[in-house]
N, C-alpha and C. Protein backbone atom coordinates (compact mmCIF):
# COMPACT_ATOMS: atom_id res chain seq x y z
N MET A 1 0.92 -1.23 -0.05
CA MET A 1 -0.14 -0.10 0.03
C MET A 1 1.08 1.17 0.13
N PRO A 2 0.68 2.18 -0.79
CA PRO A 2 1.51 3.26 -1.32
C PRO A 2 1.16 4.23 0.14
N ALA A 3 2.48 4.72 0.24
CA ALA A 3 2.16 5.96 1.33
C ALA A 3 2.92 7.34 1.18
N ILE A 4 2.36 8.48 1.82
CA ILE A 4 2.97 9.44 1.16
C ILE A 4 3.78 9.84 2.58
N VAL A 5 5.54 10.11 2.27
CA VAL A 5 5.98 9.92 3.41
C VAL A 5 7.10 11.67 3.16
N GLY A 6 7.06 12.09 4.45
CA GLY A 6 7.50 13.50 4.30
C GLY A 6 9.26 13.33 4.11
N ALA A 7 9.75 14.63 4.85
CA ALA A 7 11.11 14.99 4.81
C ALA A 7 11.82 13.40 5.17
N VAL A 8 12.70 13.12 4.99
CA VAL A 8 13.53 12.20 6.04
C VAL A 8 15.01 12.56 5.64
N LYS A 9 15.63 12.48 6.77
CA LYS A 9 16.91 13.07 6.99
C LYS A 9 17.83 11.47 7.75
N VAL A 10 18.77 10.82 6.61
CA VAL A 10 19.62 9.75 7.25
C VAL A 10 20.72 9.98 7.29
N ILE A 11 21.36 9.64 8.77
CA ILE A 11 22.71 10.52 8.97
C ILE A 11 23.87 9.10 8.71
N SER A 12 23.20 7.98 8.62
CA SER A 12 24.12 7.01 8.32
C SER A 12 23.80 5.61 8.22
N VAL A 13 23.65 4.67 7.45
CA VAL A 13 23.50 3.42 7.52
C VAL A 13 24.80 2.52 7.52
N GLY A 14 24.66 1.37 8.47
CA GLY A 14 25.85 0.47 8.38
C GLY A 14 25.97 -0.16 7.37
N SER A 15 27.23 -0.72 7.35
CA SER A 15 27.68 -1.70 6.34
C SER A 15 26.53 -2.79 5.96
N SER A 16 26.28 -3.33 7.14
CA SER A 16 24.81 -4.20 6.84
C SER A 16 23.56 -4.13 6.84
N GLY A 17 23.44 -2.77 7.07
CA GLY A 17 21.92 -2.42 7.23
C GLY A 17 21.26 -2.01 5.90
N VAL A 18 19.75 -1.87 5.79
CA VAL A 18 19.06 -1.75 5.06
C VAL A 18 18.03 -0.53 5.22
N PHE A 19 17.96 0.49 4.43
CA PHE A 19 17.37 1.77 4.28
C PHE A 19 16.19 1.84 3.25
N ASN A 20 15.06 1.68 3.79
CA ASN A 20 14.13 1.35 2.51
C ASN A 20 12.84 2.63 2.71
N ILE A 21 12.53 3.04 1.44
CA ILE A 21 11.13 4.11 1.64
C ILE A 21 10.19 3.64 0.72
N GLY A 22 9.16 2.83 0.76
CA GLY A 22 8.29 2.85 -0.45
C GLY A 22 8.03 1.61 -0.24
N ASP A 23 7.44 0.41 -1.34
CA ASP A 23 6.79 -0.56 -1.10
C ASP A 23 8.47 -1.38 -1.66
N VAL A 24 7.98 -2.40 -0.89
CA VAL A 24 9.20 -3.68 -1.10
C VAL A 24 8.98 -5.14 -0.81
N LEU A 25 9.15 -5.75 -1.57
CA LEU A 25 8.91 -7.35 -1.56
C LEU A 25 9.75 -8.10 -0.30
N THR A 26 11.22 -8.08 -0.62
CA THR A 26 12.15 -8.66 0.12
C THR A 26 12.88 -7.93 0.35
N MET A 27 13.32 -7.65 1.56
CA MET A 27 14.59 -7.11 2.26
C MET A 27 15.78 -8.22 2.71
N ASN A 28 17.07 -8.08 2.43
CA ASN A 28 17.85 -9.33 2.96
C ASN A 28 19.29 -9.14 3.40
N PRO A 29 19.37 -8.27 4.18
CA PRO A 29 20.55 -8.27 4.54
C PRO A 29 21.48 -9.32 4.77
N VAL A 30 22.90 -9.25 4.27
CA VAL A 30 23.68 -10.30 4.62
C VAL A 30 25.00 -9.80 5.28
N SER A 31 25.53 -10.41 6.21
CA SER A 31 26.98 -10.11 6.62
C SER A 31 27.40 -11.58 7.49
N THR A 32 28.97 -11.48 7.41
CA THR A 32 29.76 -12.46 7.72
C THR A 32 30.80 -12.16 8.70
N ALA A 33 30.91 -12.74 9.93
CA ALA A 33 31.94 -12.30 10.63
C ALA A 33 32.60 -13.38 11.38
N LYS A 34 34.32 -13.61 11.45
CA LYS A 34 34.89 -14.48 12.41
C LYS A 34 35.47 -13.78 13.62
N THR A 35 35.33 -14.34 14.28
CA THR A 35 36.07 -13.98 15.64
C THR A 35 37.05 -15.10 16.59
N PHE A 36 38.12 -14.41 16.52
CA PHE A 36 39.23 -15.21 17.39
C PHE A 36 39.24 -14.83 18.68
N ALA A 37 39.33 -15.80 19.82
CA ALA A 37 39.34 -14.99 21.31
C ALA A 37 40.09 -16.29 22.37
N GLY A 38 40.81 -15.84 22.54
CA GLY A 38 41.77 -16.57 23.60
C GLY A 38 40.75 -16.92 24.95
N ALA A 39 41.72 -17.99 25.55
CA ALA A 39 40.65 -18.62 26.71
C ALA A 39 40.33 -17.85 27.41
N GLY A 40 38.96 -17.91 28.02
CA GLY A 40 38.43 -17.01 29.44
C GLY A 40 37.75 -15.84 28.43
N SER A 41 38.00 -15.92 27.04
CA SER A 41 37.25 -14.39 26.59
C SER A 41 35.75 -14.36 26.61
N PHE A 42 35.14 -15.20 26.32
CA PHE A 42 33.50 -15.17 26.57
C PHE A 42 33.09 -15.59 27.76
N ASN A 43 33.57 -15.42 28.89
CA ASN A 43 33.25 -15.85 30.25
C ASN A 43 32.32 -14.71 30.88
N THR A 44 30.93 -14.82 31.50
CA THR A 44 29.89 -14.05 31.73
C THR A 44 29.81 -14.28 33.24
N GLY A 45 29.40 -13.49 34.01
CA GLY A 45 29.05 -13.74 35.19
C GLY A 45 29.71 -13.10 36.71
N ASP A 46 29.46 -13.19 37.81
CA ASP A 46 30.15 -12.50 39.15
C ASP A 46 31.09 -13.39 39.30
N ASN A 47 31.85 -12.48 40.16
CA ASN A 47 33.04 -13.19 40.68
C ASN A 47 33.80 -14.54 40.03
N LEU A 48 33.99 -14.03 38.92
CA LEU A 48 34.84 -15.15 38.04
C LEU A 48 36.13 -15.11 38.49
N ARG A 49 37.17 -16.30 38.38
CA ARG A 49 38.29 -16.60 38.25
C ARG A 49 38.84 -17.34 37.07
N VAL A 50 39.87 -16.80 36.24
CA VAL A 50 39.95 -17.69 35.30
C VAL A 50 41.77 -17.70 35.52
N ARG A 51 42.27 -18.35 34.97
CA ARG A 51 43.52 -18.84 35.22
C ARG A 51 44.33 -19.09 33.94
N ASN A 52 45.06 -18.53 33.11
CA ASN A 52 45.54 -18.56 31.40
C ASN A 52 46.96 -18.47 31.82
N ASP A 53 47.74 -19.71 32.18
CA ASP A 53 49.18 -19.45 32.43
C ASP A 53 49.70 -19.77 30.82
N ARG A 54 49.12 -20.50 30.27
CA ARG A 54 50.09 -20.95 28.73
C ARG A 54 48.93 -20.94 28.06
N SER A 55 48.31 -19.95 27.41
CA SER A 55 47.33 -19.94 26.71
C SER A 55 47.73 -19.05 25.24
N ILE A 56 47.42 -19.63 24.23
CA ILE A 56 47.70 -18.99 22.98
C ILE A 56 46.35 -19.49 21.84
N THR A 57 46.20 -18.31 20.93
CA THR A 57 45.07 -18.27 20.22
C THR A 57 45.62 -18.00 18.56
N LYS A 58 45.50 -19.58 17.99
CA LYS A 58 46.08 -19.71 16.69
C LYS A 58 45.22 -19.05 15.81
N THR A 59 45.46 -18.21 14.83
CA THR A 59 44.75 -17.24 13.96
C THR A 59 45.23 -17.77 12.61
N TYR A 60 45.80 -18.98 12.52
CA TYR A 60 46.02 -19.17 10.96
C TYR A 60 45.18 -19.95 10.44
N ASP A 61 44.53 -19.55 9.43
CA ASP A 61 43.55 -20.55 8.97
C ASP A 61 43.81 -20.79 7.35
N GLN A 62 43.96 -22.26 7.04
CA GLN A 62 44.27 -22.75 5.70
C GLN A 62 43.39 -22.37 4.48
N ASP A 63 41.63 -22.26 4.78
CA ASP A 63 40.81 -21.55 4.31
C ASP A 63 40.80 -20.48 3.26
N VAL A 64 40.79 -20.21 1.81
CA VAL A 64 40.80 -18.91 1.54
C VAL A 64 39.43 -18.31 1.57
N LEU A 65 38.14 -19.06 1.56
CA LEU A 65 37.15 -18.71 1.93
C LEU A 65 36.09 -19.54 2.72
N ASP A 66 35.66 -18.73 3.97
CA ASP A 66 35.18 -19.35 4.77
C ASP A 66 33.48 -19.40 4.60
N SER A 67 33.14 -17.99 4.60
CA SER A 67 31.68 -17.66 4.62
C SER A 67 31.55 -17.10 3.11
N ASN A 68 30.90 -17.82 2.23
CA ASN A 68 30.95 -17.12 0.29
C ASN A 68 29.56 -16.94 0.88
N VAL A 69 29.38 -15.15 0.72
CA VAL A 69 28.58 -14.64 0.84
C VAL A 69 28.37 -13.64 -0.83
N LYS A 70 27.33 -14.30 -1.52
CA LYS A 70 27.22 -13.65 -2.77
C LYS A 70 26.46 -12.04 -2.61
N SER A 71 26.82 -11.14 -3.25
CA SER A 71 25.97 -9.83 -3.11
C SER A 71 25.42 -9.58 -4.54
N ILE A 72 24.20 -9.13 -4.58
CA ILE A 72 23.89 -8.90 -5.43
C ILE A 72 23.55 -7.27 -5.59
N ILE A 73 23.90 -6.57 -6.78
CA ILE A 73 24.07 -5.22 -6.93
C ILE A 73 23.68 -4.79 -8.30
């Protein structure tokens, strides 16, 4: 259903965001991310005690492409 839209001021749209005014059938923003974190990085809670005497995070990845996302422009 068409609508009348007044003035619109867009300050910014993120890299995986979608901004649309008007009729649309499908909006499909796509993004991928790869996260490297060492031991104890994602712990949550109160009074945590984490001991990481010998901890390393190996970030070498043999794959060239992990998440193949095709962008349609």
